[in-house]
Amino acid sequence: QHEDISKIKFAISHPQALAQCDNYLRGRGITPIPTYDTAGSAKMIATGATLPEGCTAENTAAIASDLAGKTYGLNCLAQGIEDDDTNFTRFLLLARKSVLQWLRGDDNNNNNIPCKTSIVFTLPNTSGALYKALACFSLREIDFSKIESRPTSASLLNFLKFKSQQQQQQQ
């Protein structure tokens, strides 16, 4: 649809996607408008249906995945527009059926869907807390392909406070 990014005045997408691309949007004077999801935003651009007020298919772009763009026949105007290139979005499949039913192909579905499970938890900042949390997996011979650690906002603030105190002591 679009060929010239300079004509884009609005970007629609899920609020999290808009936040992750804030610097890019600000740098180009593009106004972010939150919508219900990323792929749905691409569909809105493609069909022109129910676009937010002031938005047209000519002056609005969607922040969405390559797959959403291809699915709805849209041209990609720019890639890698996120503020942090180490950031990536995770999607979850939620259903009333248990995961095991999908994996074993219960209900005659014959599904053999490879999957990964993610868990998220917080721990106290005490000696051995992470070891104790992970030991239960090792005891059951459950392997991990990836482990990530992310600071919570409270621990990040404590770190920044600590750095500030260090700098004051050095002066």
N, C-alpha and C. Protein backbone atom coordinates (compact mmCIF):
# COMPACT_ATOMS: atom_id res chain seq x y z
N GLN A 1 0.83 -1.19 0.00
CA GLN A 1 0.00 0.00 0.00
C GLN A 1 0.88 1.25 0.00
N HIS A 2 1.54 1.58 1.12
CA HIS A 2 2.38 2.78 1.19
C HIS A 2 3.71 2.54 0.47
N GLU A 3 4.28 3.58 -0.05
CA GLU A 3 5.62 3.51 -0.62
C GLU A 3 6.52 4.55 0.03
N ASP A 4 5.96 5.63 0.57
CA ASP A 4 6.72 6.76 1.07
C ASP A 4 6.44 6.98 2.55
N ILE A 5 7.44 6.72 3.39
CA ILE A 5 7.25 6.83 4.84
C ILE A 5 7.02 8.29 5.27
N SER A 6 7.46 9.25 4.47
CA SER A 6 7.29 10.66 4.86
C SER A 6 5.82 11.08 4.90
N LYS A 7 4.95 10.31 4.26
CA LYS A 7 3.51 10.62 4.25
C LYS A 7 2.79 10.07 5.48
N ILE A 8 3.49 9.29 6.28
CA ILE A 8 2.87 8.66 7.45
C ILE A 8 2.80 9.66 8.60
N LYS A 9 1.61 9.88 9.10
CA LYS A 9 1.38 10.81 10.22
C LYS A 9 0.99 10.08 11.50
N PHE A 10 0.44 8.86 11.36
CA PHE A 10 -0.03 8.09 12.50
C PHE A 10 0.50 6.67 12.43
N ALA A 11 0.72 6.07 13.59
CA ALA A 11 1.08 4.65 13.68
C ALA A 11 0.10 4.00 14.65
N ILE A 12 -0.52 2.92 14.22
CA ILE A 12 -1.44 2.20 15.09
C ILE A 12 -0.84 0.84 15.43
N SER A 13 -1.06 0.43 16.66
CA SER A 13 -0.58 -0.87 17.11
C SER A 13 -0.97 -1.06 18.57
N HIS A 14 -0.61 -2.21 19.09
CA HIS A 14 -0.80 -2.49 20.52
C HIS A 14 0.05 -1.49 21.31
N PRO A 15 -0.42 -1.04 22.48
CA PRO A 15 0.33 -0.05 23.26
C PRO A 15 1.78 -0.47 23.56
N GLN A 16 2.02 -1.75 23.80
CA GLN A 16 3.38 -2.20 24.11
C GLN A 16 4.29 -2.05 22.89
N ALA A 17 3.79 -2.38 21.71
CA ALA A 17 4.57 -2.22 20.48
C ALA A 17 4.88 -0.75 20.23
N LEU A 18 3.91 0.11 20.45
CA LEU A 18 4.14 1.55 20.28
C LEU A 18 5.20 2.04 21.25
N ALA A 19 5.16 1.58 22.49
CA ALA A 19 6.15 1.99 23.49
C ALA A 19 7.54 1.51 23.10
N GLN A 20 7.62 0.31 22.53
CA GLN A 20 8.92 -0.25 22.15
C GLN A 20 9.53 0.46 20.94
N CYS A 21 8.74 1.26 20.23
CA CYS A 21 9.22 1.98 19.04
C CYS A 21 9.11 3.49 19.23
N ASP A 22 9.02 3.95 20.46
CA ASP A 22 8.76 5.35 20.77
C ASP A 22 9.79 6.30 20.15
N ASN A 23 11.07 5.99 20.26
CA ASN A 23 12.11 6.89 19.72
C ASN A 23 11.98 7.03 18.21
N TYR A 24 11.73 5.94 17.53
CA TYR A 24 11.57 5.96 16.07
C TYR A 24 10.39 6.86 15.69
N LEU A 25 9.26 6.67 16.36
CA LEU A 25 8.06 7.45 16.04
C LEU A 25 8.27 8.93 16.32
N ARG A 26 8.83 9.24 17.49
CA ARG A 26 9.07 10.65 17.84
C ARG A 26 10.01 11.32 16.85
N GLY A 27 11.06 10.58 16.47
CA GLY A 27 12.05 11.13 15.55
C GLY A 27 11.48 11.49 14.19
N ARG A 28 10.36 10.89 13.83
CA ARG A 28 9.74 11.16 12.53
C ARG A 28 8.44 11.95 12.66
N GLY A 29 8.10 12.35 13.88
CA GLY A 29 6.88 13.13 14.09
C GLY A 29 5.62 12.33 13.85
N ILE A 30 5.69 11.02 14.05
CA ILE A 30 4.53 10.14 13.85
C ILE A 30 3.79 10.00 15.18
N THR A 31 2.50 10.24 15.16
CA THR A 31 1.67 10.14 16.36
C THR A 31 1.25 8.70 16.60
N PRO A 32 1.59 8.14 17.77
CA PRO A 32 1.16 6.76 18.07
C PRO A 32 -0.30 6.73 18.51
N ILE A 33 -1.04 5.76 18.02
CA ILE A 33 -2.43 5.58 18.42
C ILE A 33 -2.61 4.11 18.82
N PRO A 34 -2.90 3.86 20.09
CA PRO A 34 -3.05 2.47 20.55
C PRO A 34 -4.32 1.81 20.01
N THR A 35 -4.16 0.55 19.64
CA THR A 35 -5.28 -0.29 19.20
C THR A 35 -5.18 -1.62 19.96
N TYR A 36 -6.06 -2.54 19.64
CA TYR A 36 -6.15 -3.76 20.44
C TYR A 36 -5.01 -4.74 20.22
N ASP A 37 -4.41 -4.81 19.02
CA ASP A 37 -3.26 -5.70 18.83
C ASP A 37 -2.49 -5.35 17.57
N THR A 38 -1.32 -5.95 17.40
CA THR A 38 -0.45 -5.61 16.28
C THR A 38 -1.01 -6.13 14.95
N ALA A 39 -1.34 -7.40 14.87
CA ALA A 39 -1.87 -7.96 13.62
C ALA A 39 -3.21 -7.33 13.26
N GLY A 40 -4.03 -7.06 14.26
CA GLY A 40 -5.31 -6.40 14.02
C GLY A 40 -5.12 -5.02 13.44
N SER A 41 -4.06 -4.34 13.84
CA SER A 41 -3.75 -3.02 13.28
C SER A 41 -3.39 -3.13 11.80
N ALA A 42 -2.62 -4.15 11.46
CA ALA A 42 -2.28 -4.38 10.04
C ALA A 42 -3.55 -4.64 9.24
N LYS A 43 -4.44 -5.42 9.80
CA LYS A 43 -5.71 -5.72 9.11
C LYS A 43 -6.53 -4.45 8.93
N MET A 44 -6.53 -3.58 9.94
CA MET A 44 -7.27 -2.33 9.85
C MET A 44 -6.74 -1.47 8.69
N ILE A 45 -5.42 -1.42 8.53
CA ILE A 45 -4.82 -0.64 7.44
C ILE A 45 -5.21 -1.26 6.09
N ALA A 46 -5.11 -2.58 6.01
CA ALA A 46 -5.38 -3.28 4.75
C ALA A 46 -6.83 -3.12 4.30
N THR A 47 -7.75 -3.18 5.25
CA THR A 47 -9.17 -3.12 4.88
C THR A 47 -9.72 -1.70 4.92
N GLY A 48 -9.03 -0.81 5.64
CA GLY A 48 -9.51 0.56 5.78
C GLY A 48 -10.71 0.69 6.70
N ALA A 49 -11.10 -0.41 7.30
CA ALA A 49 -12.29 -0.41 8.15
C ALA A 49 -11.95 0.07 9.56
N THR A 50 -12.82 0.85 10.10
CA THR A 50 -12.77 1.32 11.49
C THR A 50 -11.41 1.83 11.93
N LEU A 51 -10.78 2.64 11.10
CA LEU A 51 -9.53 3.28 11.51
C LEU A 51 -9.85 4.38 12.53
N PRO A 52 -8.93 4.65 13.45
CA PRO A 52 -9.18 5.73 14.41
C PRO A 52 -9.39 7.07 13.72
N GLU A 53 -10.00 7.99 14.43
CA GLU A 53 -10.32 9.30 13.88
C GLU A 53 -9.07 10.00 13.34
N GLY A 54 -9.18 10.55 12.15
CA GLY A 54 -8.06 11.26 11.53
C GLY A 54 -7.14 10.36 10.72
N CYS A 55 -7.28 9.06 10.90
CA CYS A 55 -6.42 8.10 10.20
C CYS A 55 -7.05 7.67 8.89
N THR A 56 -6.21 7.56 7.88
CA THR A 56 -6.63 6.99 6.60
C THR A 56 -5.59 5.94 6.21
N ALA A 57 -5.91 5.14 5.24
CA ALA A 57 -4.96 4.14 4.77
C ALA A 57 -3.73 4.80 4.16
N GLU A 58 -3.83 6.07 3.77
CA GLU A 58 -2.70 6.77 3.16
C GLU A 58 -1.79 7.43 4.19
N ASN A 59 -2.33 7.85 5.34
CA ASN A 59 -1.49 8.58 6.31
C ASN A 59 -1.18 7.77 7.57
N THR A 60 -1.52 6.50 7.57
CA THR A 60 -1.37 5.67 8.77
C THR A 60 -0.63 4.39 8.45
N ALA A 61 0.26 4.01 9.34
CA ALA A 61 0.98 2.74 9.22
C ALA A 61 0.70 1.91 10.47
N ALA A 62 0.88 0.62 10.35
CA ALA A 62 0.72 -0.28 11.49
C ALA A 62 2.10 -0.78 11.90
N ILE A 63 2.31 -0.91 13.19
CA ILE A 63 3.51 -1.57 13.69
C ILE A 63 3.09 -3.00 13.98
N ALA A 64 3.62 -3.92 13.19
CA ALA A 64 3.20 -5.31 13.28
C ALA A 64 4.33 -6.21 12.77
N SER A 65 4.11 -7.50 12.82
CA SER A 65 5.11 -8.46 12.36
C SER A 65 5.16 -8.54 10.85
N ASP A 66 6.26 -9.10 10.32
CA ASP A 66 6.36 -9.36 8.89
C ASP A 66 5.22 -10.24 8.42
N LEU A 67 4.90 -11.25 9.23
CA LEU A 67 3.83 -12.19 8.87
C LEU A 67 2.50 -11.47 8.73
N ALA A 68 2.20 -10.55 9.64
CA ALA A 68 0.94 -9.80 9.55
C ALA A 68 0.91 -8.97 8.28
N GLY A 69 2.04 -8.35 7.95
CA GLY A 69 2.11 -7.56 6.73
C GLY A 69 1.88 -8.40 5.48
N LYS A 70 2.51 -9.57 5.44
CA LYS A 70 2.33 -10.47 4.30
C LYS A 70 0.91 -11.00 4.23
N THR A 71 0.36 -11.34 5.39
CA THR A 71 -1.00 -11.88 5.45
C THR A 71 -2.01 -10.89 4.87
N TYR A 72 -1.82 -9.61 5.16
CA TYR A 72 -2.79 -8.60 4.73
C TYR A 72 -2.32 -7.81 3.51
N GLY A 73 -1.25 -8.26 2.86
CA GLY A 73 -0.81 -7.64 1.61
C GLY A 73 -0.25 -6.24 1.76
N LEU A 74 0.44 -5.97 2.86
CA LEU A 74 1.00 -4.64 3.10
C LEU A 74 2.49 -4.61 2.78
N ASN A 75 2.98 -3.44 2.40
CA ASN A 75 4.41 -3.24 2.16
C ASN A 75 5.10 -2.85 3.46
N CYS A 76 6.29 -3.36 3.65
CA CYS A 76 7.10 -2.99 4.82
C CYS A 76 7.86 -1.72 4.49
N LEU A 77 7.62 -0.67 5.28
CA LEU A 77 8.30 0.61 5.07
C LEU A 77 9.63 0.69 5.80
N ALA A 78 9.75 0.00 6.94
CA ALA A 78 10.98 0.03 7.73
C ALA A 78 11.02 -1.18 8.65
N GLN A 79 12.21 -1.71 8.84
CA GLN A 79 12.41 -2.83 9.76
C GLN A 79 13.34 -2.40 10.88
N GLY A 80 13.31 -3.14 11.98
CA GLY A 80 14.21 -2.86 13.09
C GLY A 80 13.99 -1.49 13.71
N ILE A 81 12.73 -1.11 13.89
CA ILE A 81 12.43 0.24 14.40
C ILE A 81 12.31 0.28 15.92
N GLU A 82 12.53 -0.86 16.58
CA GLU A 82 12.42 -0.89 18.03
C GLU A 82 13.54 -0.09 18.67
N ASP A 83 13.28 0.46 19.86
CA ASP A 83 14.28 1.25 20.58
C ASP A 83 15.43 0.39 21.10
N ASP A 84 15.13 -0.83 21.48
CA ASP A 84 16.13 -1.74 22.04
C ASP A 84 16.18 -2.99 21.17
N ASP A 85 17.27 -3.18 20.44
CA ASP A 85 17.31 -4.30 19.50
C ASP A 85 17.48 -5.66 20.16
N THR A 86 17.66 -5.68 21.49
CA THR A 86 17.70 -6.96 22.19
C THR A 86 16.31 -7.37 22.66
N ASN A 87 15.35 -6.48 22.48
CA ASN A 87 13.98 -6.75 22.92
C ASN A 87 13.27 -7.65 21.90
N PHE A 88 12.48 -8.55 22.39
CA PHE A 88 11.63 -9.34 21.52
C PHE A 88 10.35 -9.67 22.24
N THR A 89 9.31 -9.86 21.48
CA THR A 89 7.99 -10.10 22.03
C THR A 89 7.71 -11.58 22.09
N ARG A 90 7.09 -12.01 23.15
CA ARG A 90 6.70 -13.42 23.30
C ARG A 90 5.20 -13.51 23.15
N PHE A 91 4.76 -14.56 22.49
CA PHE A 91 3.33 -14.80 22.34
C PHE A 91 2.97 -16.08 23.06
N LEU A 92 1.81 -16.11 23.65
CA LEU A 92 1.34 -17.27 24.39
C LEU A 92 0.08 -17.82 23.74
N LEU A 93 -0.06 -19.12 23.79
CA LEU A 93 -1.29 -19.76 23.35
C LEU A 93 -2.08 -20.11 24.60
N LEU A 94 -3.23 -19.52 24.73
CA LEU A 94 -4.08 -19.75 25.90
C LEU A 94 -5.32 -20.51 25.46
N ALA A 95 -5.66 -21.53 26.21
CA ALA A 95 -6.84 -22.32 25.87
C ALA A 95 -7.39 -22.98 27.13
N ARG A 96 -8.62 -23.46 27.04
CA ARG A 96 -9.22 -24.16 28.16
C ARG A 96 -8.72 -25.59 28.25
N LYS A 97 -8.26 -26.15 27.13
CA LYS A 97 -7.68 -27.49 27.14
C LYS A 97 -6.30 -27.45 27.79
N SER A 98 -5.88 -28.54 28.37
CA SER A 98 -4.53 -28.58 28.93
C SER A 98 -3.51 -28.70 27.81
N VAL A 99 -2.31 -28.29 28.08
CA VAL A 99 -1.23 -28.36 27.10
C VAL A 99 -1.00 -29.82 26.69
N LEU A 100 -1.09 -30.74 27.63
CA LEU A 100 -0.86 -32.15 27.32
C LEU A 100 -1.83 -32.69 26.28
N GLN A 101 -3.08 -32.23 26.31
CA GLN A 101 -4.04 -32.68 25.30
C GLN A 101 -3.59 -32.28 23.90
N TRP A 102 -3.03 -31.09 23.77
CA TRP A 102 -2.54 -30.64 22.46
C TRP A 102 -1.32 -31.45 22.03
N LEU A 103 -0.42 -31.69 22.96
CA LEU A 103 0.83 -32.37 22.63
C LEU A 103 0.61 -33.84 22.28
N ARG A 104 -0.26 -34.51 23.01
CA ARG A 104 -0.49 -35.94 22.79
C ARG A 104 -1.50 -36.18 21.67
N GLY A 105 -2.19 -35.16 21.25
CA GLY A 105 -3.18 -35.34 20.20
C GLY A 105 -4.45 -35.99 20.72
N ASP A 106 -4.78 -35.73 22.00
CA ASP A 106 -6.03 -36.26 22.54
C ASP A 106 -7.21 -35.72 21.74
N ASP A 107 -8.35 -36.28 21.92
CA ASP A 107 -9.57 -35.88 21.20
C ASP A 107 -9.45 -36.12 19.70
N ASN A 108 -8.63 -37.09 19.29
CA ASN A 108 -8.44 -37.47 17.89
C ASN A 108 -7.91 -36.33 17.02
N ASN A 109 -7.22 -35.35 17.61
CA ASN A 109 -6.66 -34.26 16.82
C ASN A 109 -5.33 -34.64 16.18
N ASN A 110 -4.66 -35.65 16.72
CA ASN A 110 -3.36 -36.08 16.23
C ASN A 110 -2.36 -34.93 16.12
N ASN A 111 -2.42 -34.05 17.05
CA ASN A 111 -1.49 -32.92 17.05
C ASN A 111 -0.17 -33.35 17.69
N ASN A 112 0.90 -33.07 17.04
CA ASN A 112 2.23 -33.24 17.59
C ASN A 112 2.91 -31.89 17.51
N ILE A 113 2.54 -31.00 18.37
CA ILE A 113 3.01 -29.63 18.31
C ILE A 113 4.23 -29.47 19.22
N PRO A 114 5.38 -29.16 18.65
CA PRO A 114 6.53 -28.89 19.50
C PRO A 114 6.28 -27.58 20.26
N CYS A 115 6.70 -27.54 21.50
CA CYS A 115 6.46 -26.31 22.26
C CYS A 115 7.54 -26.11 23.30
N LYS A 116 7.55 -24.91 23.82
CA LYS A 116 8.41 -24.55 24.94
C LYS A 116 7.52 -23.95 26.00
N THR A 117 7.91 -24.10 27.22
CA THR A 117 7.15 -23.55 28.33
C THR A 117 7.98 -22.45 28.97
N SER A 118 7.36 -21.33 29.28
CA SER A 118 8.02 -20.23 29.96
C SER A 118 7.45 -20.10 31.35
N ILE A 119 8.32 -19.83 32.30
CA ILE A 119 7.86 -19.53 33.65
C ILE A 119 8.49 -18.20 34.07
N VAL A 120 7.77 -17.47 34.85
CA VAL A 120 8.23 -16.18 35.33
C VAL A 120 8.03 -16.16 36.84
N PHE A 121 9.07 -15.78 37.54
CA PHE A 121 8.94 -15.67 38.99
C PHE A 121 9.95 -14.68 39.53
N THR A 122 9.69 -14.20 40.73
CA THR A 122 10.62 -13.30 41.40
C THR A 122 11.16 -14.01 42.63
N LEU A 123 12.34 -13.60 43.02
CA LEU A 123 13.02 -14.21 44.16
C LEU A 123 13.52 -13.14 45.10
N PRO A 124 13.65 -13.50 46.37
CA PRO A 124 14.27 -12.55 47.30
C PRO A 124 15.76 -12.42 46.97
N ASN A 125 16.34 -11.31 47.29
CA ASN A 125 17.76 -11.10 47.05
C ASN A 125 18.56 -11.69 48.22
N THR A 126 18.57 -13.02 48.29
CA THR A 126 19.28 -13.71 49.36
C THR A 126 20.19 -14.77 48.76
N SER A 127 21.16 -15.16 49.54
CA SER A 127 22.13 -16.15 49.10
C SER A 127 21.44 -17.48 48.79
N GLY A 128 21.69 -18.03 47.60
CA GLY A 128 21.17 -19.33 47.23
C GLY A 128 19.73 -19.36 46.75
N ALA A 129 19.07 -18.21 46.64
CA ALA A 129 17.66 -18.19 46.25
C ALA A 129 17.45 -18.77 44.86
N LEU A 130 18.28 -18.38 43.91
CA LEU A 130 18.14 -18.90 42.55
C LEU A 130 18.44 -20.39 42.50
N TYR A 131 19.48 -20.81 43.18
CA TYR A 131 19.83 -22.23 43.23
C TYR A 131 18.66 -23.06 43.77
N LYS A 132 18.08 -22.59 44.85
CA LYS A 132 16.96 -23.32 45.45
C LYS A 132 15.75 -23.38 44.50
N ALA A 133 15.52 -22.32 43.77
CA ALA A 133 14.39 -22.29 42.85
C ALA A 133 14.60 -23.23 41.67
N LEU A 134 15.84 -23.35 41.19
CA LEU A 134 16.11 -24.17 40.02
C LEU A 134 16.40 -25.63 40.37
N ALA A 135 16.75 -25.92 41.61
CA ALA A 135 17.11 -27.29 42.01
C ALA A 135 15.97 -28.27 41.75
N CYS A 136 14.73 -27.84 41.94
CA CYS A 136 13.60 -28.75 41.75
C CYS A 136 13.52 -29.23 40.29
N PHE A 137 13.94 -28.41 39.36
CA PHE A 137 13.94 -28.84 37.96
C PHE A 137 15.05 -29.87 37.71
N SER A 138 16.20 -29.62 38.26
CA SER A 138 17.32 -30.54 38.09
C SER A 138 17.01 -31.90 38.71
N LEU A 139 16.40 -31.91 39.87
CA LEU A 139 16.05 -33.17 40.53
C LEU A 139 15.08 -34.00 39.70
N ARG A 140 14.30 -33.36 38.86
CA ARG A 140 13.33 -34.06 38.00
C ARG A 140 13.83 -34.21 36.56
N GLU A 141 15.13 -33.93 36.38
CA GLU A 141 15.79 -34.03 35.08
C GLU A 141 15.09 -33.22 33.99
N ILE A 142 14.67 -32.02 34.36
CA ILE A 142 14.07 -31.08 33.42
C ILE A 142 15.17 -30.13 32.97
N ASP A 143 15.38 -30.06 31.65
CA ASP A 143 16.45 -29.26 31.09
C ASP A 143 15.91 -27.91 30.64
N PHE A 144 16.78 -26.93 30.60
CA PHE A 144 16.43 -25.59 30.12
C PHE A 144 17.21 -25.30 28.85
N SER A 145 16.57 -24.65 27.88
CA SER A 145 17.29 -24.21 26.69
C SER A 145 17.69 -22.75 26.83
N LYS A 146 17.07 -22.02 27.76
CA LYS A 146 17.37 -20.60 27.92
C LYS A 146 16.90 -20.14 29.29
N ILE A 147 17.71 -19.34 29.93
CA ILE A 147 17.33 -18.72 31.20
C ILE A 147 17.63 -17.23 31.06
N GLU A 148 16.67 -16.39 31.43
CA GLU A 148 16.85 -14.94 31.36
C GLU A 148 16.61 -14.35 32.73
N SER A 149 17.37 -13.33 33.05
CA SER A 149 17.17 -12.60 34.29
C SER A 149 16.88 -11.15 33.93
N ARG A 150 15.83 -10.62 34.51
CA ARG A 150 15.47 -9.23 34.26
C ARG A 150 15.22 -8.54 35.59
N PRO A 151 15.74 -7.32 35.72
CA PRO A 151 15.49 -6.60 36.97
C PRO A 151 14.04 -6.16 37.06
N THR A 152 13.49 -6.25 38.23
CA THR A 152 12.17 -5.65 38.42
C THR A 152 12.39 -4.16 38.59
N SER A 153 11.36 -3.39 38.46
CA SER A 153 11.53 -1.95 38.57
C SER A 153 12.07 -1.57 39.95
N ALA A 154 11.67 -2.30 40.98
CA ALA A 154 12.17 -2.00 42.33
C ALA A 154 13.66 -2.29 42.44
N SER A 155 14.12 -3.43 41.89
CA SER A 155 15.54 -3.73 41.97
C SER A 155 16.36 -2.80 41.09
N LEU A 156 15.79 -2.36 39.97
CA LEU A 156 16.47 -1.41 39.12
C LEU A 156 16.64 -0.09 39.86
N LEU A 157 15.61 0.34 40.56
CA LEU A 157 15.72 1.58 41.33
C LEU A 157 16.76 1.44 42.43
N ASN A 158 16.83 0.27 43.09
CA ASN A 158 17.86 0.05 44.11
C ASN A 158 19.25 0.12 43.49
N PHE A 159 19.44 -0.45 42.30
CA PHE A 159 20.72 -0.40 41.61
C PHE A 159 21.09 1.04 41.29
N LEU A 160 20.13 1.81 40.75
CA LEU A 160 20.41 3.20 40.41
C LEU A 160 20.75 4.01 41.65
N LYS A 161 20.06 3.73 42.76
CA LYS A 161 20.33 4.40 44.03
C LYS A 161 21.74 4.07 44.49
N PHE A 162 22.12 2.80 44.37
CA PHE A 162 23.45 2.34 44.76
C PHE A 162 24.52 3.04 43.91
N LYS A 163 24.31 3.11 42.59
CA LYS A 163 25.27 3.77 41.69
C LYS A 163 25.39 5.25 42.05
N SER A 164 24.27 5.88 42.37
CA SER A 164 24.28 7.28 42.74
C SER A 164 25.08 7.49 44.02
N GLN A 165 24.91 6.60 45.01
CA GLN A 165 25.66 6.71 46.26
C GLN A 165 27.15 6.51 46.03
N GLN A 166 27.50 5.57 45.13
CA GLN A 166 28.90 5.33 44.80
C GLN A 166 29.53 6.58 44.19
N GLN A 167 28.81 7.21 43.28
CA GLN A 167 29.34 8.39 42.61
C GLN A 167 29.50 9.54 43.60
N GLN A 168 28.58 9.68 44.55
CA GLN A 168 28.67 10.74 45.55
C GLN A 168 29.88 10.51 46.46
N GLN A 169 30.15 9.24 46.79
CA GLN A 169 31.28 8.93 47.65
C GLN A 169 32.61 9.18 46.95
N GLN A 170 32.65 9.01 45.64
CA GLN A 170 33.87 9.22 44.88
C GLN A 170 34.19 10.69 44.70
N GLN A 171 33.19 11.56 44.85
CA GLN A 171 33.40 13.01 44.66
C GLN A 171 33.94 13.67 45.85
